[in-house]
Amino acid sequence: MGQWTFLSNHGRVFVYITKHPRSTTEAISREVGLSQRGVQKIIAELEAAGYIARRREGRCNHYTVHPELPMRHPLEREHAVGELLLALGCDLPGKSGR
């Protein structure tokens, strides 16, 4: 039986960014197990869809997550992505005193 997981690469990158909003693509790549180019593509897609916003701070980026947005799949659309993030142990903006 092949290896599989419940979260997609997009989900892993999204969770990592939520937990580490000042991460580099190199750190995300290392922790998630993807190439830097793959991580950059996922970040661009998450940003284009409005799930994250990226702000440049010197040589680094600072990411802001938008947990109020709905999940993308029709079966999950009634749930906000923040519900998933909370279930995975993330602190959300406005919920943790940040």
N, C-alpha and C. Protein backbone atom coordinates (compact mmCIF):
# COMPACT_ATOMS: atom_id res chain seq x y z
N MET A 1 0.84 -1.18 0.00
CA MET A 1 0.00 0.00 0.00
C MET A 1 0.89 1.25 0.00
N GLY A 2 0.61 2.17 -0.90
CA GLY A 2 1.38 3.40 -0.97
C GLY A 2 1.15 4.31 0.22
N GLN A 3 2.08 5.23 0.42
CA GLN A 3 1.92 6.17 1.52
C GLN A 3 0.99 7.29 1.09
N TRP A 4 0.10 7.67 1.95
CA TRP A 4 -0.77 8.80 1.70
C TRP A 4 -1.06 9.50 3.02
N THR A 5 -1.50 10.74 2.93
CA THR A 5 -1.80 11.52 4.12
C THR A 5 -3.13 12.24 3.92
N PHE A 6 -3.68 12.75 4.99
CA PHE A 6 -4.97 13.43 4.91
C PHE A 6 -4.85 14.88 4.43
N LEU A 7 -3.70 15.48 4.58
CA LEU A 7 -3.54 16.87 4.14
C LEU A 7 -2.78 16.93 2.82
N SER A 8 -3.19 17.86 1.97
CA SER A 8 -2.48 18.10 0.72
C SER A 8 -1.24 18.95 0.99
N ASN A 9 -0.41 19.11 -0.01
CA ASN A 9 0.75 19.99 0.12
C ASN A 9 0.31 21.42 0.39
N HIS A 10 -0.79 21.84 -0.24
CA HIS A 10 -1.31 23.19 0.02
C HIS A 10 -1.69 23.33 1.50
N GLY A 11 -2.33 22.31 2.04
CA GLY A 11 -2.72 22.34 3.45
C GLY A 11 -1.53 22.42 4.37
N ARG A 12 -0.50 21.65 4.06
CA ARG A 12 0.70 21.67 4.90
C ARG A 12 1.39 23.04 4.87
N VAL A 13 1.52 23.61 3.69
CA VAL A 13 2.15 24.93 3.56
C VAL A 13 1.31 25.97 4.30
N PHE A 14 -0.01 25.90 4.14
CA PHE A 14 -0.91 26.84 4.80
C PHE A 14 -0.80 26.74 6.32
N VAL A 15 -0.78 25.54 6.85
CA VAL A 15 -0.64 25.34 8.29
C VAL A 15 0.72 25.86 8.77
N TYR A 16 1.79 25.55 8.04
CA TYR A 16 3.12 26.00 8.45
C TYR A 16 3.20 27.53 8.46
N ILE A 17 2.65 28.16 7.43
CA ILE A 17 2.66 29.63 7.38
C ILE A 17 1.85 30.21 8.53
N THR A 18 0.74 29.59 8.87
CA THR A 18 -0.08 30.07 9.98
C THR A 18 0.70 30.01 11.29
N LYS A 19 1.44 28.94 11.49
CA LYS A 19 2.22 28.77 12.72
C LYS A 19 3.51 29.59 12.72
N HIS A 20 4.03 29.87 11.53
CA HIS A 20 5.32 30.58 11.38
C HIS A 20 5.19 31.66 10.32
N PRO A 21 4.51 32.79 10.63
CA PRO A 21 4.22 33.79 9.60
C PRO A 21 5.42 34.55 9.05
N ARG A 22 6.58 34.39 9.67
CA ARG A 22 7.77 35.07 9.16
C ARG A 22 8.77 34.07 8.55
N SER A 23 8.27 32.97 8.08
CA SER A 23 9.12 31.91 7.52
C SER A 23 9.64 32.27 6.14
N THR A 24 10.75 31.66 5.80
CA THR A 24 11.28 31.77 4.45
C THR A 24 10.79 30.57 3.64
N THR A 25 10.82 30.69 2.34
CA THR A 25 10.43 29.55 1.51
C THR A 25 11.39 28.39 1.73
N GLU A 26 12.64 28.70 2.06
CA GLU A 26 13.61 27.64 2.34
C GLU A 26 13.19 26.83 3.58
N ALA A 27 12.80 27.53 4.65
CA ALA A 27 12.36 26.84 5.87
C ALA A 27 11.08 26.05 5.63
N ILE A 28 10.13 26.66 4.92
CA ILE A 28 8.87 25.96 4.62
C ILE A 28 9.17 24.72 3.81
N SER A 29 10.01 24.86 2.81
CA SER A 29 10.39 23.74 1.94
C SER A 29 10.98 22.59 2.74
N ARG A 30 11.88 22.92 3.62
CA ARG A 30 12.55 21.90 4.44
C ARG A 30 11.56 21.18 5.35
N GLU A 31 10.68 21.93 6.00
CA GLU A 31 9.74 21.35 6.95
C GLU A 31 8.61 20.56 6.28
N VAL A 32 8.16 21.03 5.14
CA VAL A 32 7.03 20.40 4.45
C VAL A 32 7.49 19.27 3.54
N GLY A 33 8.75 19.31 3.13
CA GLY A 33 9.28 18.25 2.28
C GLY A 33 9.02 18.46 0.80
N LEU A 34 8.99 19.73 0.38
CA LEU A 34 8.81 20.09 -1.02
C LEU A 34 9.98 20.92 -1.49
N SER A 35 10.11 21.05 -2.80
CA SER A 35 11.14 21.93 -3.34
C SER A 35 10.75 23.38 -3.06
N GLN A 36 11.74 24.27 -3.05
CA GLN A 36 11.44 25.69 -2.85
C GLN A 36 10.53 26.19 -3.96
N ARG A 37 10.76 25.75 -5.17
CA ARG A 37 9.92 26.17 -6.30
C ARG A 37 8.48 25.71 -6.08
N GLY A 38 8.30 24.49 -5.59
CA GLY A 38 6.96 23.99 -5.29
C GLY A 38 6.27 24.82 -4.22
N VAL A 39 7.02 25.18 -3.18
CA VAL A 39 6.47 26.01 -2.10
C VAL A 39 6.10 27.39 -2.64
N GLN A 40 6.96 27.97 -3.47
CA GLN A 40 6.67 29.29 -4.05
C GLN A 40 5.38 29.26 -4.87
N LYS A 41 5.18 28.18 -5.61
CA LYS A 41 3.97 28.03 -6.43
C LYS A 41 2.74 27.94 -5.54
N ILE A 42 2.82 27.15 -4.49
CA ILE A 42 1.69 27.00 -3.56
C ILE A 42 1.39 28.33 -2.88
N ILE A 43 2.41 29.05 -2.44
CA ILE A 43 2.21 30.35 -1.80
C ILE A 43 1.53 31.31 -2.77
N ALA A 44 1.97 31.32 -4.02
CA ALA A 44 1.34 32.19 -5.03
C ALA A 44 -0.13 31.83 -5.23
N GLU A 45 -0.44 30.54 -5.22
CA GLU A 45 -1.84 30.11 -5.38
C GLU A 45 -2.68 30.47 -4.16
N LEU A 46 -2.13 30.28 -2.96
CA LEU A 46 -2.85 30.65 -1.74
C LEU A 46 -3.09 32.16 -1.70
N GLU A 47 -2.11 32.92 -2.14
CA GLU A 47 -2.23 34.37 -2.17
C GLU A 47 -3.25 34.81 -3.22
N ALA A 48 -3.22 34.22 -4.40
CA ALA A 48 -4.16 34.58 -5.47
C ALA A 48 -5.60 34.26 -5.06
N ALA A 49 -5.78 33.22 -4.28
CA ALA A 49 -7.12 32.83 -3.82
C ALA A 49 -7.57 33.64 -2.60
N GLY A 50 -6.67 34.45 -2.02
CA GLY A 50 -7.02 35.30 -0.89
C GLY A 50 -6.84 34.69 0.48
N TYR A 51 -6.31 33.46 0.55
CA TYR A 51 -6.15 32.79 1.84
C TYR A 51 -4.98 33.34 2.65
N ILE A 52 -4.01 33.92 1.97
CA ILE A 52 -2.90 34.57 2.66
C ILE A 52 -2.59 35.89 1.96
N ALA A 53 -1.96 36.79 2.70
CA ALA A 53 -1.42 38.03 2.14
C ALA A 53 0.05 38.05 2.51
N ARG A 54 0.87 38.54 1.59
CA ARG A 54 2.31 38.54 1.80
C ARG A 54 2.79 39.99 1.81
N ARG A 55 3.60 40.32 2.82
CA ARG A 55 4.18 41.66 2.92
C ARG A 55 5.69 41.50 3.05
N ARG A 56 6.41 42.21 2.26
CA ARG A 56 7.87 42.14 2.27
C ARG A 56 8.40 42.91 3.48
N GLU A 57 9.31 42.29 4.23
CA GLU A 57 10.00 42.93 5.36
C GLU A 57 11.49 42.67 5.20
N GLY A 58 12.18 43.62 4.58
CA GLY A 58 13.60 43.42 4.31
C GLY A 58 13.79 42.29 3.32
N ARG A 59 14.57 41.29 3.71
CA ARG A 59 14.79 40.14 2.84
C ARG A 59 13.78 39.02 3.06
N CYS A 60 12.89 39.23 4.01
CA CYS A 60 11.92 38.19 4.36
C CYS A 60 10.50 38.63 4.03
N ASN A 61 9.59 37.69 4.11
CA ASN A 61 8.18 37.97 3.94
C ASN A 61 7.48 37.79 5.28
N HIS A 62 6.40 38.52 5.46
CA HIS A 62 5.51 38.30 6.59
C HIS A 62 4.17 37.93 5.99
N TYR A 63 3.62 36.81 6.44
CA TYR A 63 2.36 36.31 5.89
C TYR A 63 1.23 36.57 6.88
N THR A 64 0.10 36.98 6.35
CA THR A 64 -1.12 37.13 7.12
C THR A 64 -2.12 36.14 6.57
N VAL A 65 -2.73 35.38 7.44
CA VAL A 65 -3.69 34.34 7.06
C VAL A 65 -5.11 34.90 7.21
N HIS A 66 -5.99 34.50 6.31
CA HIS A 66 -7.40 34.91 6.36
C HIS A 66 -8.25 33.68 6.67
N PRO A 67 -8.37 33.36 7.98
CA PRO A 67 -9.04 32.13 8.40
C PRO A 67 -10.56 32.13 8.21
N GLU A 68 -11.13 33.28 7.92
CA GLU A 68 -12.58 33.38 7.77
C GLU A 68 -13.09 32.87 6.42
N LEU A 69 -12.18 32.68 5.47
CA LEU A 69 -12.59 32.24 4.14
C LEU A 69 -13.05 30.79 4.15
N PRO A 70 -13.99 30.44 3.26
CA PRO A 70 -14.48 29.06 3.23
C PRO A 70 -13.46 28.12 2.62
N MET A 71 -13.56 26.86 3.00
CA MET A 71 -12.74 25.84 2.36
C MET A 71 -13.21 25.72 0.91
N ARG A 72 -12.36 25.18 0.05
CA ARG A 72 -12.61 25.23 -1.39
C ARG A 72 -13.49 24.10 -1.95
N HIS A 73 -13.40 22.94 -1.40
CA HIS A 73 -14.14 21.81 -1.96
C HIS A 73 -15.63 21.94 -1.63
N PRO A 74 -16.53 21.61 -2.57
CA PRO A 74 -17.97 21.74 -2.32
C PRO A 74 -18.45 21.01 -1.06
N LEU A 75 -17.86 19.88 -0.72
CA LEU A 75 -18.28 19.15 0.48
C LEU A 75 -17.87 19.84 1.77
N GLU A 76 -16.90 20.75 1.69
CA GLU A 76 -16.35 21.41 2.89
C GLU A 76 -16.64 22.90 2.93
N ARG A 77 -17.29 23.43 1.90
CA ARG A 77 -17.47 24.86 1.75
C ARG A 77 -18.22 25.54 2.89
N GLU A 78 -18.99 24.79 3.64
CA GLU A 78 -19.73 25.39 4.75
C GLU A 78 -18.83 25.65 5.97
N HIS A 79 -17.58 25.22 5.87
CA HIS A 79 -16.62 25.43 6.96
C HIS A 79 -15.55 26.42 6.54
N ALA A 80 -15.16 27.26 7.46
CA ALA A 80 -14.06 28.20 7.22
C ALA A 80 -12.72 27.47 7.39
N VAL A 81 -11.70 27.92 6.66
CA VAL A 81 -10.39 27.29 6.79
C VAL A 81 -9.85 27.42 8.21
N GLY A 82 -10.30 28.45 8.93
CA GLY A 82 -9.87 28.62 10.31
C GLY A 82 -10.26 27.46 11.20
N GLU A 83 -11.36 26.80 10.90
CA GLU A 83 -11.77 25.63 11.69
C GLU A 83 -10.74 24.52 11.56
N LEU A 84 -10.25 24.31 10.35
CA LEU A 84 -9.20 23.30 10.13
C LEU A 84 -7.92 23.71 10.84
N LEU A 85 -7.55 24.98 10.72
CA LEU A 85 -6.33 25.46 11.36
C LEU A 85 -6.39 25.29 12.87
N LEU A 86 -7.53 25.60 13.46
CA LEU A 86 -7.69 25.41 14.91
C LEU A 86 -7.57 23.95 15.30
N ALA A 87 -8.18 23.08 14.50
CA ALA A 87 -8.11 21.64 14.78
C ALA A 87 -6.68 21.11 14.72
N LEU A 88 -5.85 21.78 13.92
CA LEU A 88 -4.45 21.36 13.77
C LEU A 88 -3.51 22.12 14.71
N GLY A 89 -4.07 22.82 15.69
CA GLY A 89 -3.25 23.45 16.72
C GLY A 89 -2.70 24.82 16.39
N CYS A 90 -3.27 25.48 15.40
CA CYS A 90 -2.80 26.82 15.04
C CYS A 90 -3.49 27.87 15.91
N ASP A 91 -2.76 28.92 16.22
CA ASP A 91 -3.34 30.10 16.86
C ASP A 91 -3.76 31.03 15.75
N LEU A 92 -5.01 31.49 15.80
CA LEU A 92 -5.50 32.37 14.75
C LEU A 92 -5.45 33.83 15.19
N PRO A 93 -5.24 34.74 14.25
CA PRO A 93 -5.25 36.16 14.58
C PRO A 93 -6.56 36.54 15.27
N GLY A 94 -6.46 37.27 16.36
CA GLY A 94 -7.65 37.68 17.09
C GLY A 94 -8.18 36.64 18.05
N LYS A 95 -7.68 35.42 18.00
CA LYS A 95 -8.15 34.34 18.88
C LYS A 95 -7.14 34.01 19.96
N SER A 96 -5.86 34.41 19.75
CA SER A 96 -4.81 34.01 20.69
C SER A 96 -4.17 35.20 21.39
N GLY A 97 -4.70 36.39 21.17
CA GLY A 97 -4.11 37.57 21.80
C GLY A 97 -2.93 38.12 21.06
N ARG A 98 -2.70 37.67 19.82
CA ARG A 98 -1.59 38.20 19.02
C ARG A 98 -1.90 39.58 18.52
